[in-house]
Amino acid sequence: MKKERLIVDGYNMIGSWPNLVQLKNQDEMEEARDLLLASLSNYVGFHHIEAWVVFDAMFVPGISKQYDQYNLKVVFTAEGQTADSYIEEMMDDVVSLLYNVTVATSDLAEQRMVFQHGALRQSAQELWRNVVRTQQVINRGDDTYTPTTYRRQSPWSHHQMDELQRLLDDLSGE
């Protein structure tokens, strides 16, 4: 089974998720970002997904940084660089035979680019529904839930995928 990677256009989610839109409209962007990261952390932790959340410099000018927070890789792009262009640049590094890569965005141009690079797309609303369902499952203590997303099937187990990744790393000299 392939490992999962999720790349999220952060401000796209903030502009779409009902609870985050409310914070945005109250001019509480930092709180909206923190709530987004906390919500996604529960989701990716529960489903064992490697995830990046990319924020462009639109609301945080001059800052370009990347750090780990809440089980997520959080990226603020350089001033003038959009999240879309950053995500496009990272496609070649994250899409591989060993991973299902999903990009969460409702931007149609970004969705086309995602498909061209061999990744899957998920709209902001689809991700929000999956995050809400997962939180409900966590609250109930039920660990049998699997989200209804676009998943490619693979005959490989996680152990086999780890071994293939090690072999690939050895061959590529990493």
N, C-alpha and C. Protein backbone atom coordinates (compact mmCIF):
# COMPACT_ATOMS: atom_id res chain seq x y z
N MET A 1 0.84 -1.17 0.00
CA MET A 1 0.00 0.00 0.00
C MET A 1 0.89 1.24 0.00
N LYS A 2 0.57 2.18 -0.85
CA LYS A 2 1.34 3.41 -0.93
C LYS A 2 1.11 4.27 0.31
N LYS A 3 2.14 5.02 0.66
CA LYS A 3 2.01 5.98 1.74
C LYS A 3 1.31 7.22 1.20
N GLU A 4 0.68 7.94 2.12
CA GLU A 4 -0.09 9.11 1.73
C GLU A 4 0.67 10.40 2.03
N ARG A 5 0.61 11.32 1.10
CA ARG A 5 1.14 12.68 1.29
C ARG A 5 0.02 13.65 0.96
N LEU A 6 -0.12 14.66 1.79
CA LEU A 6 -1.15 15.68 1.60
C LEU A 6 -0.47 17.04 1.60
N ILE A 7 -0.78 17.83 0.59
CA ILE A 7 -0.28 19.20 0.50
C ILE A 7 -1.51 20.11 0.50
N VAL A 8 -1.52 21.05 1.43
CA VAL A 8 -2.70 21.89 1.64
C VAL A 8 -2.36 23.35 1.35
N ASP A 9 -3.16 23.98 0.52
CA ASP A 9 -3.07 25.42 0.30
C ASP A 9 -3.80 26.08 1.47
N GLY A 10 -3.03 26.55 2.45
CA GLY A 10 -3.59 27.00 3.72
C GLY A 10 -4.64 28.08 3.61
N TYR A 11 -4.33 29.16 2.89
CA TYR A 11 -5.30 30.25 2.81
C TYR A 11 -6.52 29.86 1.99
N ASN A 12 -6.39 28.90 1.10
CA ASN A 12 -7.54 28.40 0.35
C ASN A 12 -8.51 27.72 1.33
N MET A 13 -7.98 26.97 2.31
CA MET A 13 -8.84 26.33 3.31
C MET A 13 -9.49 27.40 4.21
N ILE A 14 -8.69 28.39 4.62
CA ILE A 14 -9.21 29.45 5.49
C ILE A 14 -10.34 30.21 4.80
N GLY A 15 -10.26 30.34 3.49
CA GLY A 15 -11.31 31.02 2.74
C GLY A 15 -12.51 30.15 2.44
N SER A 16 -12.46 28.86 2.82
CA SER A 16 -13.54 27.94 2.47
C SER A 16 -14.20 27.25 3.66
N TRP A 17 -13.43 26.92 4.69
CA TRP A 17 -14.00 26.19 5.82
C TRP A 17 -14.83 27.15 6.67
N PRO A 18 -16.07 26.79 6.99
CA PRO A 18 -16.98 27.72 7.68
C PRO A 18 -16.40 28.33 8.96
N ASN A 19 -15.81 27.53 9.82
CA ASN A 19 -15.28 28.07 11.08
C ASN A 19 -14.07 28.97 10.85
N LEU A 20 -13.31 28.71 9.81
CA LEU A 20 -12.14 29.53 9.51
C LEU A 20 -12.52 30.82 8.78
N VAL A 21 -13.54 30.76 7.95
CA VAL A 21 -14.03 31.96 7.27
C VAL A 21 -14.51 32.97 8.31
N GLN A 22 -15.17 32.47 9.32
CA GLN A 22 -15.68 33.35 10.38
C GLN A 22 -14.52 34.08 11.08
N LEU A 23 -13.45 33.35 11.40
CA LEU A 23 -12.29 33.98 12.02
C LEU A 23 -11.64 34.99 11.06
N LYS A 24 -11.54 34.60 9.79
CA LYS A 24 -10.96 35.51 8.79
C LYS A 24 -11.76 36.80 8.69
N ASN A 25 -13.07 36.68 8.68
CA ASN A 25 -13.94 37.85 8.58
C ASN A 25 -13.86 38.74 9.81
N GLN A 26 -13.44 38.18 10.94
CA GLN A 26 -13.25 38.96 12.17
C GLN A 26 -11.82 39.47 12.27
N ASP A 27 -11.07 39.34 11.17
CA ASP A 27 -9.68 39.80 11.10
C ASP A 27 -8.79 39.09 12.12
N GLU A 28 -9.03 37.80 12.31
CA GLU A 28 -8.25 36.97 13.24
C GLU A 28 -7.53 35.87 12.46
N MET A 29 -6.63 36.31 11.56
CA MET A 29 -5.94 35.36 10.68
C MET A 29 -5.03 34.40 11.45
N GLU A 30 -4.35 34.90 12.45
CA GLU A 30 -3.46 34.02 13.21
C GLU A 30 -4.25 32.90 13.89
N GLU A 31 -5.39 33.24 14.44
CA GLU A 31 -6.25 32.23 15.07
C GLU A 31 -6.77 31.25 14.02
N ALA A 32 -7.12 31.74 12.85
CA ALA A 32 -7.59 30.87 11.76
C ALA A 32 -6.49 29.90 11.34
N ARG A 33 -5.25 30.41 11.20
CA ARG A 33 -4.13 29.53 10.84
C ARG A 33 -3.91 28.47 11.91
N ASP A 34 -3.92 28.89 13.18
CA ASP A 34 -3.70 27.93 14.27
C ASP A 34 -4.79 26.87 14.32
N LEU A 35 -6.04 27.27 14.13
CA LEU A 35 -7.15 26.31 14.15
C LEU A 35 -7.04 25.35 12.96
N LEU A 36 -6.66 25.86 11.79
CA LEU A 36 -6.45 25.01 10.63
C LEU A 36 -5.37 23.97 10.93
N LEU A 37 -4.24 24.41 11.47
CA LEU A 37 -3.14 23.49 11.76
C LEU A 37 -3.55 22.45 12.81
N ALA A 38 -4.25 22.86 13.84
CA ALA A 38 -4.69 21.92 14.87
C ALA A 38 -5.66 20.88 14.29
N SER A 39 -6.59 21.33 13.46
CA SER A 39 -7.57 20.42 12.84
C SER A 39 -6.87 19.43 11.92
N LEU A 40 -5.96 19.93 11.10
CA LEU A 40 -5.24 19.05 10.17
C LEU A 40 -4.33 18.09 10.92
N SER A 41 -3.77 18.53 12.04
CA SER A 41 -2.89 17.66 12.83
C SER A 41 -3.63 16.42 13.30
N ASN A 42 -4.84 16.59 13.82
CA ASN A 42 -5.63 15.43 14.24
C ASN A 42 -5.91 14.51 13.06
N TYR A 43 -6.26 15.10 11.93
CA TYR A 43 -6.61 14.34 10.73
C TYR A 43 -5.42 13.52 10.23
N VAL A 44 -4.26 14.18 10.04
CA VAL A 44 -3.11 13.46 9.49
C VAL A 44 -2.53 12.48 10.49
N GLY A 45 -2.62 12.80 11.77
CA GLY A 45 -2.15 11.86 12.79
C GLY A 45 -2.98 10.61 12.82
N PHE A 46 -4.28 10.77 12.73
CA PHE A 46 -5.19 9.62 12.76
C PHE A 46 -4.98 8.71 11.55
N HIS A 47 -4.75 9.32 10.38
CA HIS A 47 -4.64 8.55 9.14
C HIS A 47 -3.19 8.27 8.73
N HIS A 48 -2.23 8.69 9.53
CA HIS A 48 -0.80 8.45 9.25
C HIS A 48 -0.41 9.02 7.89
N ILE A 49 -0.71 10.28 7.69
CA ILE A 49 -0.43 10.97 6.44
C ILE A 49 0.70 11.97 6.68
N GLU A 50 1.63 12.02 5.74
CA GLU A 50 2.67 13.05 5.76
C GLU A 50 2.06 14.29 5.12
N ALA A 51 2.17 15.45 5.78
CA ALA A 51 1.44 16.62 5.27
C ALA A 51 2.24 17.91 5.36
N TRP A 52 2.01 18.77 4.35
CA TRP A 52 2.54 20.13 4.28
C TRP A 52 1.35 21.08 4.22
N VAL A 53 1.46 22.19 4.91
CA VAL A 53 0.48 23.27 4.79
C VAL A 53 1.25 24.49 4.31
N VAL A 54 0.86 25.01 3.15
CA VAL A 54 1.59 26.11 2.53
C VAL A 54 0.75 27.38 2.59
N PHE A 55 1.34 28.42 3.19
CA PHE A 55 0.72 29.74 3.24
C PHE A 55 1.56 30.67 2.39
N ASP A 56 0.92 31.44 1.54
CA ASP A 56 1.72 32.39 0.76
C ASP A 56 1.90 33.69 1.54
N ALA A 57 2.73 34.56 1.02
CA ALA A 57 3.12 35.79 1.73
C ALA A 57 2.04 36.86 1.69
N MET A 58 0.87 36.53 1.22
CA MET A 58 -0.21 37.50 1.10
C MET A 58 -0.51 38.19 2.44
N PHE A 59 -0.55 37.43 3.53
CA PHE A 59 -0.90 38.00 4.83
C PHE A 59 0.28 38.10 5.79
N VAL A 60 1.44 37.58 5.40
CA VAL A 60 2.63 37.66 6.24
C VAL A 60 3.80 38.08 5.36
N PRO A 61 3.83 39.34 4.93
CA PRO A 61 4.87 39.77 4.00
C PRO A 61 6.26 39.73 4.62
N GLY A 62 7.24 39.40 3.77
CA GLY A 62 8.63 39.43 4.18
C GLY A 62 9.13 38.18 4.87
N ILE A 63 8.25 37.30 5.22
CA ILE A 63 8.66 36.09 5.94
C ILE A 63 8.72 34.93 4.97
N SER A 64 9.83 34.21 5.01
CA SER A 64 9.95 32.97 4.25
C SER A 64 10.55 31.95 5.19
N LYS A 65 9.72 30.99 5.61
CA LYS A 65 10.25 30.01 6.55
C LYS A 65 9.46 28.72 6.46
N GLN A 66 10.11 27.67 6.98
CA GLN A 66 9.49 26.36 7.02
C GLN A 66 9.80 25.76 8.38
N TYR A 67 8.81 25.16 9.00
CA TYR A 67 9.02 24.54 10.30
C TYR A 67 8.01 23.42 10.51
N ASP A 68 8.27 22.59 11.49
CA ASP A 68 7.35 21.51 11.83
C ASP A 68 6.52 21.95 13.03
N GLN A 69 5.22 21.74 12.92
CA GLN A 69 4.30 22.07 14.00
C GLN A 69 3.11 21.14 13.92
N TYR A 70 2.70 20.60 15.04
CA TYR A 70 1.51 19.74 15.11
C TYR A 70 1.58 18.55 14.14
N ASN A 71 2.71 17.93 13.95
CA ASN A 71 2.83 16.80 13.00
C ASN A 71 2.75 17.24 11.55
N LEU A 72 2.88 18.52 11.28
CA LEU A 72 2.76 19.07 9.93
C LEU A 72 4.04 19.81 9.57
N LYS A 73 4.33 19.86 8.29
CA LYS A 73 5.38 20.73 7.78
C LYS A 73 4.67 22.02 7.34
N VAL A 74 4.98 23.11 8.00
CA VAL A 74 4.31 24.39 7.73
C VAL A 74 5.27 25.27 6.95
N VAL A 75 4.79 25.82 5.85
CA VAL A 75 5.62 26.64 4.98
C VAL A 75 4.96 28.00 4.77
N PHE A 76 5.74 29.07 4.99
CA PHE A 76 5.33 30.41 4.58
C PHE A 76 6.25 30.76 3.41
N THR A 77 5.68 31.05 2.26
CA THR A 77 6.48 31.33 1.07
C THR A 77 7.16 32.69 1.21
N ALA A 78 8.08 32.94 0.31
CA ALA A 78 8.74 34.24 0.26
C ALA A 78 7.74 35.29 -0.21
N GLU A 79 8.00 36.53 0.13
CA GLU A 79 7.13 37.62 -0.31
C GLU A 79 7.06 37.63 -1.83
N GLY A 80 5.85 37.70 -2.35
CA GLY A 80 5.66 37.71 -3.79
C GLY A 80 5.48 36.33 -4.40
N GLN A 81 5.75 35.28 -3.64
CA GLN A 81 5.57 33.92 -4.15
C GLN A 81 4.23 33.39 -3.66
N THR A 82 3.45 32.86 -4.57
CA THR A 82 2.14 32.32 -4.19
C THR A 82 2.29 30.89 -3.68
N ALA A 83 1.31 30.47 -2.92
CA ALA A 83 1.27 29.07 -2.47
C ALA A 83 1.20 28.15 -3.69
N ASP A 84 0.44 28.57 -4.71
CA ASP A 84 0.31 27.76 -5.92
C ASP A 84 1.66 27.50 -6.57
N SER A 85 2.48 28.54 -6.72
CA SER A 85 3.78 28.35 -7.37
C SER A 85 4.70 27.52 -6.49
N TYR A 86 4.63 27.68 -5.18
CA TYR A 86 5.45 26.87 -4.28
C TYR A 86 5.06 25.40 -4.38
N ILE A 87 3.75 25.13 -4.38
CA ILE A 87 3.25 23.76 -4.48
C ILE A 87 3.67 23.15 -5.81
N GLU A 88 3.57 23.93 -6.88
CA GLU A 88 3.98 23.43 -8.20
C GLU A 88 5.46 23.05 -8.19
N GLU A 89 6.30 23.87 -7.57
CA GLU A 89 7.73 23.57 -7.51
C GLU A 89 8.02 22.30 -6.71
N MET A 90 7.23 22.04 -5.69
CA MET A 90 7.51 20.87 -4.86
C MET A 90 6.95 19.57 -5.44
N MET A 91 6.12 19.64 -6.47
CA MET A 91 5.52 18.44 -7.05
C MET A 91 6.56 17.40 -7.49
N ASP A 92 7.63 17.85 -8.14
CA ASP A 92 8.64 16.91 -8.62
C ASP A 92 9.33 16.18 -7.48
N ASP A 93 9.41 16.80 -6.31
CA ASP A 93 10.07 16.17 -5.17
C ASP A 93 9.17 15.23 -4.39
N VAL A 94 7.87 15.47 -4.39
CA VAL A 94 6.99 14.68 -3.52
C VAL A 94 6.20 13.59 -4.25
N VAL A 95 6.00 13.74 -5.55
CA VAL A 95 5.27 12.72 -6.30
C VAL A 95 6.24 11.61 -6.69
N SER A 96 5.89 10.38 -6.32
CA SER A 96 6.73 9.24 -6.69
C SER A 96 5.86 7.99 -6.75
N LEU A 97 6.46 6.91 -7.17
CA LEU A 97 5.74 5.64 -7.25
C LEU A 97 5.36 5.11 -5.87
N LEU A 98 6.03 5.59 -4.84
CA LEU A 98 5.82 5.07 -3.50
C LEU A 98 4.76 5.83 -2.70
N TYR A 99 4.26 6.93 -3.24
CA TYR A 99 3.35 7.78 -2.50
C TYR A 99 2.12 8.15 -3.32
N ASN A 100 0.97 8.20 -2.65
CA ASN A 100 -0.21 8.86 -3.19
C ASN A 100 -0.12 10.29 -2.71
N VAL A 101 -0.05 11.22 -3.62
CA VAL A 101 0.02 12.64 -3.25
C VAL A 101 -1.31 13.29 -3.60
N THR A 102 -1.87 13.98 -2.60
CA THR A 102 -3.12 14.70 -2.79
C THR A 102 -2.87 16.15 -2.45
N VAL A 103 -3.32 17.05 -3.32
CA VAL A 103 -3.21 18.48 -3.06
C VAL A 103 -4.62 19.00 -2.78
N ALA A 104 -4.77 19.63 -1.62
CA ALA A 104 -6.06 20.19 -1.23
C ALA A 104 -6.11 21.66 -1.63
N THR A 105 -6.92 21.94 -2.64
CA THR A 105 -7.13 23.31 -3.12
C THR A 105 -8.42 23.34 -3.92
N SER A 106 -9.07 24.48 -3.91
CA SER A 106 -10.24 24.65 -4.76
C SER A 106 -9.93 25.51 -5.97
N ASP A 107 -8.68 25.88 -6.14
CA ASP A 107 -8.22 26.67 -7.27
C ASP A 107 -8.16 25.78 -8.51
N LEU A 108 -8.96 26.08 -9.53
CA LEU A 108 -9.04 25.21 -10.71
C LEU A 108 -7.73 25.12 -11.48
N ALA A 109 -7.01 26.23 -11.61
CA ALA A 109 -5.72 26.19 -12.31
C ALA A 109 -4.74 25.30 -11.55
N GLU A 110 -4.76 25.39 -10.24
CA GLU A 110 -3.87 24.54 -9.42
C GLU A 110 -4.26 23.07 -9.55
N GLN A 111 -5.55 22.79 -9.60
CA GLN A 111 -6.00 21.41 -9.75
C GLN A 111 -5.50 20.81 -11.06
N ARG A 112 -5.53 21.58 -12.13
CA ARG A 112 -5.03 21.08 -13.42
C ARG A 112 -3.53 20.77 -13.33
N MET A 113 -2.78 21.66 -12.70
CA MET A 113 -1.35 21.45 -12.54
C MET A 113 -1.08 20.19 -11.72
N VAL A 114 -1.88 19.98 -10.69
CA VAL A 114 -1.73 18.81 -9.83
C VAL A 114 -1.89 17.53 -10.66
N PHE A 115 -2.94 17.48 -11.47
CA PHE A 115 -3.16 16.31 -12.33
C PHE A 115 -2.00 16.10 -13.29
N GLN A 116 -1.47 17.17 -13.84
CA GLN A 116 -0.36 17.06 -14.80
C GLN A 116 0.88 16.46 -14.16
N HIS A 117 1.06 16.65 -12.87
CA HIS A 117 2.22 16.10 -12.17
C HIS A 117 1.96 14.72 -11.57
N GLY A 118 0.79 14.16 -11.82
CA GLY A 118 0.50 12.81 -11.35
C GLY A 118 -0.03 12.73 -9.93
N ALA A 119 -0.44 13.85 -9.38
CA ALA A 119 -1.02 13.86 -8.03
C ALA A 119 -2.53 13.92 -8.14
N LEU A 120 -3.18 13.75 -7.03
CA LEU A 120 -4.63 13.83 -6.96
C LEU A 120 -5.01 15.18 -6.37
N ARG A 121 -6.25 15.57 -6.55
CA ARG A 121 -6.69 16.83 -5.97
C ARG A 121 -7.88 16.56 -5.07
N GLN A 122 -8.02 17.45 -4.10
CA GLN A 122 -9.15 17.39 -3.20
C GLN A 122 -9.58 18.83 -2.96
N SER A 123 -10.86 19.09 -3.09
CA SER A 123 -11.32 20.46 -2.88
C SER A 123 -11.27 20.80 -1.39
N ALA A 124 -11.33 22.08 -1.10
CA ALA A 124 -11.33 22.53 0.29
C ALA A 124 -12.52 21.93 1.05
N GLN A 125 -13.67 21.88 0.39
CA GLN A 125 -14.86 21.33 1.05
C GLN A 125 -14.74 19.83 1.29
N GLU A 126 -14.14 19.10 0.35
CA GLU A 126 -13.94 17.66 0.55
C GLU A 126 -13.02 17.40 1.74
N LEU A 127 -11.94 18.15 1.82
CA LEU A 127 -11.02 17.97 2.94
C LEU A 127 -11.71 18.35 4.24
N TRP A 128 -12.46 19.43 4.25
CA TRP A 128 -13.16 19.85 5.46
C TRP A 128 -14.12 18.75 5.94
N ARG A 129 -14.89 18.16 5.02
CA ARG A 129 -15.81 17.08 5.40
C ARG A 129 -15.05 15.89 5.97
N ASN A 130 -13.91 15.54 5.36
CA ASN A 130 -13.11 14.42 5.88
C ASN A 130 -12.52 14.74 7.26
N VAL A 131 -12.09 15.98 7.45
CA VAL A 131 -11.54 16.38 8.75
C VAL A 131 -12.64 16.32 9.82
N VAL A 132 -13.84 16.80 9.50
CA VAL A 132 -14.95 16.77 10.45
C VAL A 132 -15.33 15.33 10.78
N ARG A 133 -15.44 14.48 9.76
CA ARG A 133 -15.77 13.07 10.00
C ARG A 133 -14.71 12.39 10.86
N THR A 134 -13.47 12.67 10.56
CA THR A 134 -12.39 12.07 11.34
C THR A 134 -12.46 12.53 12.79
N GLN A 135 -12.74 13.80 13.03
CA GLN A 135 -12.84 14.29 14.40
C GLN A 135 -14.00 13.61 15.13
N GLN A 136 -15.10 13.37 14.42
CA GLN A 136 -16.23 12.66 15.03
C GLN A 136 -15.82 11.24 15.41
N VAL A 137 -15.06 10.58 14.54
CA VAL A 137 -14.59 9.22 14.83
C VAL A 137 -13.64 9.23 16.02
N ILE A 138 -12.75 10.20 16.07
CA ILE A 138 -11.82 10.32 17.19
C ILE A 138 -12.60 10.52 18.49
N ASN A 139 -13.60 11.37 18.46
CA ASN A 139 -14.41 11.64 19.65
C ASN A 139 -15.16 10.40 20.12
N ARG A 140 -15.58 9.54 19.18
CA ARG A 140 -16.28 8.30 19.53
C ARG A 140 -15.31 7.20 19.94
N GLY A 141 -14.04 7.35 19.59
CA GLY A 141 -13.07 6.31 19.91
C GLY A 141 -13.08 5.16 18.92
N ASP A 142 -13.62 5.39 17.73
CA ASP A 142 -13.72 4.36 16.69
C ASP A 142 -12.54 4.51 15.74
N ASP A 143 -11.74 3.44 15.59
CA ASP A 143 -10.56 3.53 14.72
C ASP A 143 -10.72 2.75 13.42
N THR A 144 -11.96 2.48 13.04
CA THR A 144 -12.19 1.71 11.81
C THR A 144 -12.56 2.58 10.62
N TYR A 145 -12.65 3.88 10.82
CA TYR A 145 -13.07 4.80 9.76
C TYR A 145 -11.97 4.96 8.71
N THR A 146 -12.37 4.94 7.45
CA THR A 146 -11.46 5.30 6.37
C THR A 146 -12.17 6.35 5.52
N PRO A 147 -11.50 7.45 5.21
CA PRO A 147 -12.17 8.52 4.48
C PRO A 147 -12.47 8.12 3.04
N THR A 148 -13.48 8.74 2.49
CA THR A 148 -13.84 8.48 1.10
C THR A 148 -13.13 9.52 0.24
N THR A 149 -11.90 9.21 -0.13
CA THR A 149 -11.13 10.10 -0.98
C THR A 149 -10.70 9.31 -2.20
N TYR A 150 -10.05 10.00 -3.11
CA TYR A 150 -9.57 9.37 -4.31
C TYR A 150 -8.27 8.64 -3.97
N ARG A 151 -8.29 7.34 -3.89
CA ARG A 151 -7.12 6.57 -3.52
C ARG A 151 -6.78 5.59 -4.63
N ARG A 152 -5.53 5.58 -5.01
CA ARG A 152 -5.08 4.58 -5.95
C ARG A 152 -4.77 3.31 -5.18
N GLN A 153 -5.16 2.20 -5.72
CA GLN A 153 -4.93 0.94 -5.05
C GLN A 153 -3.53 0.40 -5.39
N SER A 154 -2.92 -0.24 -4.41
CA SER A 154 -1.60 -0.80 -4.60
C SER A 154 -1.53 -2.15 -3.91
N PRO A 155 -0.87 -3.12 -4.52
CA PRO A 155 -0.74 -4.44 -3.88
C PRO A 155 0.36 -4.48 -2.82
N TRP A 156 1.07 -3.38 -2.60
CA TRP A 156 2.22 -3.37 -1.69
C TRP A 156 1.79 -3.04 -0.27
N SER A 157 2.41 -3.70 0.70
CA SER A 157 2.17 -3.40 2.12
C SER A 157 3.03 -2.20 2.52
N HIS A 158 2.75 -1.64 3.70
CA HIS A 158 3.57 -0.52 4.20
C HIS A 158 5.02 -0.96 4.38
N HIS A 159 5.22 -2.19 4.87
CA HIS A 159 6.58 -2.71 5.05
C HIS A 159 7.31 -2.78 3.69
N GLN A 160 6.64 -3.29 2.69
CA GLN A 160 7.24 -3.37 1.36
C GLN A 160 7.53 -1.98 0.79
N MET A 161 6.64 -1.04 1.03
CA MET A 161 6.86 0.32 0.55
C MET A 161 8.06 0.96 1.24
N ASP A 162 8.22 0.71 2.54
CA ASP A 162 9.39 1.22 3.25
C ASP A 162 10.67 0.64 2.68
N GLU A 163 10.65 -0.65 2.40
CA GLU A 163 11.82 -1.31 1.83
C GLU A 163 12.13 -0.77 0.43
N LEU A 164 11.11 -0.57 -0.39
CA LEU A 164 11.32 0.01 -1.71
C LEU A 164 11.89 1.42 -1.62
N GLN A 165 11.41 2.20 -0.65
CA GLN A 165 11.94 3.55 -0.47
C GLN A 165 13.42 3.50 -0.09
N ARG A 166 13.79 2.58 0.79
CA ARG A 166 15.21 2.43 1.17
C ARG A 166 16.04 2.05 -0.05
N LEU A 167 15.55 1.14 -0.86
CA LEU A 167 16.28 0.75 -2.07
C LEU A 167 16.41 1.92 -3.04
N LEU A 168 15.35 2.66 -3.21
CA LEU A 168 15.38 3.82 -4.09
C LEU A 168 16.39 4.85 -3.58
N ASP A 169 16.39 5.09 -2.28
CA ASP A 169 17.34 6.03 -1.68
C ASP A 169 18.78 5.54 -1.90
N ASP A 170 19.01 4.24 -1.73
CA ASP A 170 20.35 3.68 -1.95
C ASP A 170 20.79 3.86 -3.39
N LEU A 171 19.88 3.60 -4.32
CA LEU A 171 20.22 3.71 -5.74
C LEU A 171 20.45 5.15 -6.16
N SER A 172 19.72 6.06 -5.57
CA SER A 172 19.86 7.46 -5.96
C SER A 172 20.95 8.18 -5.16
N GLY A 173 21.56 7.46 -4.22
CA GLY A 173 22.69 8.03 -3.48
C GLY A 173 22.28 9.00 -2.40
N GLU A 174 21.05 8.94 -1.94
CA GLU A 174 20.59 9.86 -0.90
C GLU A 174 20.86 9.31 0.47
